[in-house]
Each structure stands twice: as C-alpha cells, then as structure tokens.
Amino acid sequence: MLAQAALSRSHRALNALVGMTLALLALAASGSAWADPPGRVGRIGDTDGAVWLYDEEQAEWIQARRNRPVTEGDRISAEQDARAEIDIGSATLRLDGGTDVEFTQLDDARVRIRVHGGSVALRVRNGPSVRDFSVETAEGRYDPAACGPLPGGCAFGQQPGRDPGRRDALRGARQRARVE
C-alpha cells in the first residue's frame, strides 16, 4: 500500500510537471503575449455627419465615435456630406465627404494610408516625422515629405474640374508634390 501511495504521488507530480510545461510552451508560442504594443496610434479627433469604421470582429461597418483609437488595419469611411479628422501624433488627417481610407501600416516606424476613394488632407506639424508618412491611391504613392516645410500640409485626391480618374497631390496652396 505504501508503494502504491508513492506511485500515485509521483503520477500527480508528473502530471503537474507536464501541465506546467504545456502551459509555458503555449505562452511562449503566443508571440502577441510578448510583443509590445505600437507606440504610435491614431484617434478619431472629430466627426461631422455619417462616418463609419469597419469592425473586423463583427465583419460590419459601425458608427465611428470620437476619441476611438485608430490602429493598423482600421478602415474609415465618411459618407458624401460627412467629414472626419484623425489625429496621429503631431499629424492630422482630414477626410472629405465620400472618402474611404485604410491604415495599412500604423506603428513606430511608418504610417501608410491607403485612399480607396475620395480625398484627404494631411498636415504633419513635426518636421522630422513627415518622412514616416505616405499616402497611397490607385494611381500611386504620394510622399508628403515632398511638400516641403509649407504650413497647411498636403491634400490628396480628386481636384475639382479634373478627369474623375486623375488624382493630384497639392503642396500648400497650389503646387504639385512628387508622386511615385
């Protein structure tokens, strides 16, 4: 009987050791448990009219609320007569009515914004961080650093009186920026 009790204790100890080992392996395998969250996130600073945010978990568009964080992968759409303002550090991205954007990269290194339709205006108040930003459309990638140190930033999108398929980047009031 004494031998059976000792065997039972060693089985329990072995089971506990196996369980702890599996738990530690599962924790180590989940990279997100160890990864630092990005130091750069945006937030919805202001909305006017119907502005929507695509919720991947629910697989549907939900109403965008002021002060909601904006992170990589988020998609925001402003209906025709709506406006939205997204703050990302020292930068402000303004969405005009009828605009749909996606944040394809939003982390410590870069901010890449994909404009699926409509027009946006980007103003970066911190000179060195302007190199971190890029705006992409179906026609190409726009480099806001090419706008130079002018107040007012860059506007990207369809300009009035132009071919609807053409996109322009404006510097300051009316100078074109480099398009790659």
C-alpha atoms as a PDB file:
ATOM      1  CA  MET A   1       0.000   0.000   0.000  1.00  0.00           C
ATOM      2  CA  LEU A   2       2.876   2.310   0.757  1.00  0.00           C
ATOM      3  CA  ALA A   3       4.367   1.649  -2.663  1.00  0.00           C
ATOM      4  CA  GLN A   4       1.004   2.396  -4.304  1.00  0.00           C
ATOM      5  CA  ALA A   5       0.734   5.755  -2.476  1.00  0.00           C
ATOM      6  CA  ALA A   6       4.259   6.698  -3.571  1.00  0.00           C
ATOM      7  CA  LEU A   7       3.403   5.752  -7.178  1.00  0.00           C
ATOM      8  CA  SER A   8       0.225   7.839  -7.022  1.00  0.00           C
ATOM      9  CA  ARG A   9       2.180  10.876  -5.750  1.00  0.00           C
ATOM     10  CA  SER A  10       4.778  10.542  -8.495  1.00  0.00           C
ATOM     11  CA  HIS A  11       1.995  10.351 -11.150  1.00  0.00           C
ATOM     12  CA  ARG A  12       0.417  13.514  -9.759  1.00  0.00           C
ATOM     13  CA  ALA A  13       3.783  15.264  -9.729  1.00  0.00           C
ATOM     14  CA  LEU A  14       4.488  14.108 -13.288  1.00  0.00           C
ATOM     15  CA  ASN A  15       1.035  15.276 -14.450  1.00  0.00           C
ATOM     16  CA  ALA A  16       1.579  18.656 -12.805  1.00  0.00           C
ATOM     17  CA  LEU A  17       5.003  18.983 -14.425  1.00  0.00           C
ATOM     18  CA  VAL A  18       3.611  18.082 -17.866  1.00  0.00           C
ATOM     19  CA  GLY A  19       0.739  20.528 -17.396  1.00  0.00           C
ATOM     20  CA  MET A  20       3.060  23.377 -16.410  1.00  0.00           C
ATOM     21  CA  THR A  21       5.390  22.598 -19.309  1.00  0.00           C
ATOM     22  CA  LEU A  22       2.481  22.689 -21.791  1.00  0.00           C
ATOM     23  CA  ALA A  23       1.222  25.951 -20.316  1.00  0.00           C
ATOM     24  CA  LEU A  24       4.668  27.561 -20.621  1.00  0.00           C
ATOM     25  CA  LEU A  25       5.029  26.326 -24.201  1.00  0.00           C
ATOM     26  CA  ALA A  26       1.621  27.754 -25.105  1.00  0.00           C
ATOM     27  CA  LEU A  27       2.544  31.095 -23.554  1.00  0.00           C
ATOM     28  CA  ALA A  28       5.881  31.192 -25.370  1.00  0.00           C
ATOM     29  CA  ALA A  29       4.215  30.286 -28.678  1.00  0.00           C
ATOM     30  CA  SER A  30       1.812  33.193 -28.451  1.00  0.00           C
ATOM     31  CA  GLY A  31       4.051  35.983 -29.754  1.00  0.00           C
ATOM     32  CA  SER A  32       1.441  38.624 -29.034  1.00  0.00           C
ATOM     33  CA  ALA A  33       1.803  37.954 -25.324  1.00  0.00           C
ATOM     34  CA  TRP A  34       5.428  39.145 -25.509  1.00  0.00           C
ATOM     35  CA  ALA A  35       5.136  41.816 -28.219  1.00  0.00           C
ATOM     36  CA  ASP A  36       4.995  45.449 -27.212  1.00  0.00           C
ATOM     37  CA  PRO A  37       2.011  47.385 -28.499  1.00  0.00           C
ATOM     38  CA  PRO A  38       2.931  50.062 -31.053  1.00  0.00           C
ATOM     39  CA  GLY A  39       3.924  53.391 -29.566  1.00  0.00           C
ATOM     40  CA  ARG A  40       2.052  55.246 -32.317  1.00  0.00           C
ATOM     41  CA  VAL A  41      -1.699  55.032 -32.630  1.00  0.00           C
ATOM     42  CA  GLY A  42      -4.225  57.445 -34.001  1.00  0.00           C
ATOM     43  CA  ARG A  43      -7.551  58.601 -32.672  1.00  0.00           C
ATOM     44  CA  ILE A  44     -10.707  59.874 -34.232  1.00  0.00           C
ATOM     45  CA  GLY A  45     -10.484  63.549 -33.278  1.00  0.00           C
ATOM     46  CA  ASP A  46     -13.734  64.781 -34.775  1.00  0.00           C
ATOM     47  CA  THR A  47     -16.596  63.693 -36.985  1.00  0.00           C
ATOM     48  CA  ASP A  48     -19.377  65.586 -38.721  1.00  0.00           C
ATOM     49  CA  GLY A  49     -22.113  63.560 -40.401  1.00  0.00           C
ATOM     50  CA  ALA A  50     -22.175  59.819 -41.027  1.00  0.00           C
ATOM     51  CA  VAL A  51     -18.657  58.420 -40.520  1.00  0.00           C
ATOM     52  CA  TRP A  52     -18.134  54.659 -40.366  1.00  0.00           C
ATOM     53  CA  LEU A  53     -15.447  52.317 -39.077  1.00  0.00           C
ATOM     54  CA  TYR A  54     -15.136  48.742 -40.329  1.00  0.00           C
ATOM     55  CA  ASP A  55     -15.169  46.355 -37.368  1.00  0.00           C
ATOM     56  CA  GLU A  56     -13.293  43.191 -38.358  1.00  0.00           C
ATOM     57  CA  GLU A  57     -14.595  41.196 -35.382  1.00  0.00           C
ATOM     58  CA  GLN A  58     -18.229  41.843 -36.307  1.00  0.00           C
ATOM     59  CA  ALA A  59     -17.463  41.959 -40.061  1.00  0.00           C
ATOM     60  CA  GLU A  60     -19.603  45.068 -40.487  1.00  0.00           C
ATOM     61  CA  TRP A  61     -19.437  48.858 -40.548  1.00  0.00           C
ATOM     62  CA  ILE A  62     -20.142  50.587 -37.232  1.00  0.00           C
ATOM     63  CA  GLN A  63     -20.529  54.257 -36.418  1.00  0.00           C
ATOM     64  CA  ALA A  64     -17.161  55.923 -35.776  1.00  0.00           C
ATOM     65  CA  ARG A  65     -17.071  57.570 -32.376  1.00  0.00           C
ATOM     66  CA  ARG A  66     -14.942  60.491 -31.304  1.00  0.00           C
ATOM     67  CA  ASN A  67     -11.737  59.584 -29.394  1.00  0.00           C
ATOM     68  CA  ARG A  68     -11.809  55.967 -30.579  1.00  0.00           C
ATOM     69  CA  PRO A  69      -8.263  54.649 -31.140  1.00  0.00           C
ATOM     70  CA  VAL A  70      -7.200  54.021 -34.744  1.00  0.00           C
ATOM     71  CA  THR A  71      -4.683  51.237 -35.336  1.00  0.00           C
ATOM     72  CA  GLU A  72      -3.144  49.321 -38.224  1.00  0.00           C
ATOM     73  CA  GLY A  73      -5.777  47.642 -40.374  1.00  0.00           C
ATOM     74  CA  ASP A  74      -8.586  50.051 -39.470  1.00  0.00           C
ATOM     75  CA  ARG A  75     -10.742  51.361 -42.305  1.00  0.00           C
ATOM     76  CA  ILE A  76     -12.752  54.575 -42.009  1.00  0.00           C
ATOM     77  CA  SER A  77     -15.360  55.886 -44.419  1.00  0.00           C
ATOM     78  CA  ALA A  78     -17.099  59.273 -44.484  1.00  0.00           C
ATOM     79  CA  GLU A  79     -20.382  59.481 -46.387  1.00  0.00           C
ATOM     80  CA  GLN A  80     -20.904  62.114 -49.067  1.00  0.00           C
ATOM     81  CA  ASP A  81     -21.770  65.081 -46.819  1.00  0.00           C
ATOM     82  CA  ALA A  82     -19.664  63.978 -43.848  1.00  0.00           C
ATOM     83  CA  ARG A  83     -16.195  64.866 -42.588  1.00  0.00           C
ATOM     84  CA  ALA A  84     -13.721  63.200 -40.238  1.00  0.00           C
ATOM     85  CA  GLU A  85     -10.454  64.147 -38.587  1.00  0.00           C
ATOM     86  CA  ILE A  86      -7.890  61.579 -37.431  1.00  0.00           C
ATOM     87  CA  ASP A  87      -5.022  62.628 -35.144  1.00  0.00           C
ATOM     88  CA  ILE A  88      -1.778  60.621 -35.314  1.00  0.00           C
ATOM     89  CA  GLY A  89       0.864  62.149 -33.082  1.00  0.00           C
ATOM     90  CA  SER A  90       1.648  65.608 -34.467  1.00  0.00           C
ATOM     91  CA  ALA A  91      -0.218  64.854 -37.708  1.00  0.00           C
ATOM     92  CA  THR A  92      -3.835  65.428 -38.655  1.00  0.00           C
ATOM     93  CA  LEU A  93      -5.573  63.557 -41.458  1.00  0.00           C
ATOM     94  CA  ARG A  94      -8.817  65.129 -42.675  1.00  0.00           C
ATOM     95  CA  LEU A  95     -11.295  63.054 -44.671  1.00  0.00           C
ATOM     96  CA  ASP A  96     -13.595  64.869 -47.058  1.00  0.00           C
ATOM     97  CA  GLY A  97     -17.117  63.671 -47.801  1.00  0.00           C
ATOM     98  CA  GLY A  98     -17.280  60.484 -49.849  1.00  0.00           C
ATOM     99  CA  THR A  99     -13.845  59.320 -48.667  1.00  0.00           C
ATOM    100  CA  ASP A 100     -12.767  55.811 -47.677  1.00  0.00           C
ATOM    101  CA  VAL A 101      -9.296  55.222 -46.163  1.00  0.00           C
ATOM    102  CA  GLU A 102      -7.430  52.281 -44.675  1.00  0.00           C
ATOM    103  CA  PHE A 103      -4.422  52.359 -42.362  1.00  0.00           C
ATOM    104  CA  THR A 104      -2.234  49.680 -43.927  1.00  0.00           C
ATOM    105  CA  GLN A 105       0.651  50.410 -41.550  1.00  0.00           C
ATOM    106  CA  LEU A 106       0.476  52.358 -38.322  1.00  0.00           C
ATOM    107  CA  ASP A 107       3.383  51.670 -35.998  1.00  0.00           C
ATOM    108  CA  ASP A 108       6.520  53.255 -34.587  1.00  0.00           C
ATOM    109  CA  ALA A 109       8.290  53.198 -37.961  1.00  0.00           C
ATOM    110  CA  ARG A 110       5.686  54.230 -40.576  1.00  0.00           C
ATOM    111  CA  VAL A 111       2.183  55.465 -41.229  1.00  0.00           C
ATOM    112  CA  ARG A 112       0.804  54.257 -44.566  1.00  0.00           C
ATOM    113  CA  ILE A 113      -2.639  55.387 -45.545  1.00  0.00           C
ATOM    114  CA  ARG A 114      -4.495  53.849 -48.487  1.00  0.00           C
ATOM    115  CA  VAL A 115      -7.178  56.089 -50.034  1.00  0.00           C
ATOM    116  CA  HIS A 116      -9.795  53.824 -51.623  1.00  0.00           C
ATOM    117  CA  GLY A 117     -11.864  56.799 -52.795  1.00  0.00           C
ATOM    118  CA  GLY A 118     -12.420  60.486 -52.155  1.00  0.00           C
ATOM    119  CA  SER A 119      -9.822  62.954 -50.906  1.00  0.00           C
ATOM    120  CA  VAL A 120      -7.796  63.613 -47.789  1.00  0.00           C
ATOM    121  CA  ALA A 121      -5.647  66.409 -46.423  1.00  0.00           C
ATOM    122  CA  LEU A 122      -2.601  65.582 -44.303  1.00  0.00           C
ATOM    123  CA  ARG A 123      -0.826  68.046 -42.061  1.00  0.00           C
ATOM    124  CA  VAL A 124       2.289  66.989 -40.159  1.00  0.00           C
ATOM    125  CA  ARG A 125       3.405  69.615 -37.650  1.00  0.00           C
ATOM    126  CA  ASN A 126       6.647  67.858 -36.606  1.00  0.00           C
ATOM    127  CA  GLY A 127       9.140  68.254 -39.460  1.00  0.00           C
ATOM    128  CA  PRO A 128      11.248  65.105 -38.946  1.00  0.00           C
ATOM    129  CA  SER A 129       8.233  62.788 -38.657  1.00  0.00           C
ATOM    130  CA  VAL A 130       6.901  63.798 -42.107  1.00  0.00           C
ATOM    131  CA  ARG A 131       9.217  61.151 -43.606  1.00  0.00           C
ATOM    132  CA  ASP A 132       7.261  58.470 -41.714  1.00  0.00           C
ATOM    133  CA  PHE A 133       4.064  59.149 -43.680  1.00  0.00           C
ATOM    134  CA  SER A 134       2.903  58.013 -47.104  1.00  0.00           C
ATOM    135  CA  VAL A 135      -0.479  58.169 -48.809  1.00  0.00           C
ATOM    136  CA  GLU A 136      -1.347  55.561 -51.417  1.00  0.00           C
ATOM    137  CA  THR A 137      -4.051  55.678 -54.070  1.00  0.00           C
ATOM    138  CA  ALA A 138      -4.794  53.502 -57.083  1.00  0.00           C
ATOM    139  CA  GLU A 139      -2.653  55.925 -59.117  1.00  0.00           C
ATOM    140  CA  GLY A 140       0.463  55.799 -56.951  1.00  0.00           C
ATOM    141  CA  ARG A 141       2.134  56.604 -53.659  1.00  0.00           C
ATOM    142  CA  TYR A 142       2.365  60.206 -52.512  1.00  0.00           C
ATOM    143  CA  ASP A 143       5.278  61.345 -50.401  1.00  0.00           C
ATOM    144  CA  PRO A 144       4.213  64.176 -48.053  1.00  0.00           C
ATOM    145  CA  ALA A 145       7.895  64.982 -47.406  1.00  0.00           C
ATOM    146  CA  ALA A 146       7.972  66.316 -50.985  1.00  0.00           C
ATOM    147  CA  CYS A 147       5.504  69.022 -49.937  1.00  0.00           C
ATOM    148  CA  GLY A 148       8.307  70.766 -48.098  1.00  0.00           C
ATOM    149  CA  PRO A 149       8.050  72.816 -44.933  1.00  0.00           C
ATOM    150  CA  LEU A 150       4.966  74.769 -46.005  1.00  0.00           C
ATOM    151  CA  PRO A 151       2.208  75.362 -43.474  1.00  0.00           C
ATOM    152  CA  GLY A 152      -1.012  73.617 -44.361  1.00  0.00           C
ATOM    153  CA  GLY A 153       0.450  70.282 -45.437  1.00  0.00           C
ATOM    154  CA  CYS A 154      -0.686  68.291 -48.464  1.00  0.00           C
ATOM    155  CA  ALA A 155      -4.062  67.487 -49.952  1.00  0.00           C
ATOM    156  CA  PHE A 156      -4.510  64.243 -51.856  1.00  0.00           C
ATOM    157  CA  GLY A 157      -7.442  63.292 -54.032  1.00  0.00           C
ATOM    158  CA  GLN A 158      -9.536  64.326 -56.953  1.00  0.00           C
ATOM    159  CA  GLN A 159      -9.361  68.023 -57.710  1.00  0.00           C
ATOM    160  CA  PRO A 160     -12.392  69.960 -58.987  1.00  0.00           C
ATOM    161  CA  GLY A 161     -12.594  70.277 -62.761  1.00  0.00           C
ATOM    162  CA  ARG A 162     -10.220  67.357 -63.406  1.00  0.00           C
ATOM    163  CA  ASP A 163     -10.777  63.977 -65.005  1.00  0.00           C
ATOM    164  CA  PRO A 164     -12.544  61.866 -62.307  1.00  0.00           C
ATOM    165  CA  GLY A 165      -9.890  59.142 -62.618  1.00  0.00           C
ATOM    166  CA  ARG A 166      -6.988  61.542 -62.041  1.00  0.00           C
ATOM    167  CA  ARG A 167      -5.540  62.189 -58.596  1.00  0.00           C
ATOM    168  CA  ASP A 168      -3.355  65.124 -57.695  1.00  0.00           C
ATOM    169  CA  ALA A 169      -1.235  65.997 -54.732  1.00  0.00           C
ATOM    170  CA  LEU A 170      -1.172  69.669 -53.863  1.00  0.00           C
ATOM    171  CA  ARG A 171       1.542  71.406 -51.897  1.00  0.00           C
ATOM    172  CA  GLY A 172       0.500  74.319 -49.776  1.00  0.00           C
ATOM    173  CA  ALA A 173      -1.976  76.269 -51.850  1.00  0.00           C
ATOM    174  CA  ARG A 174      -1.416  75.045 -55.416  1.00  0.00           C
ATOM    175  CA  GLN A 175       1.993  73.440 -56.066  1.00  0.00           C
ATOM    176  CA  ARG A 176       2.159  69.771 -57.058  1.00  0.00           C
ATOM    177  CA  ALA A 177       4.134  67.342 -54.922  1.00  0.00           C
ATOM    178  CA  ARG A 178       6.146  64.387 -56.180  1.00  0.00           C
ATOM    179  CA  VAL A 179       4.132  61.280 -56.993  1.00  0.00           C
ATOM    180  CA  GLU A 180       5.906  57.908 -57.050  1.00  0.00           C
END
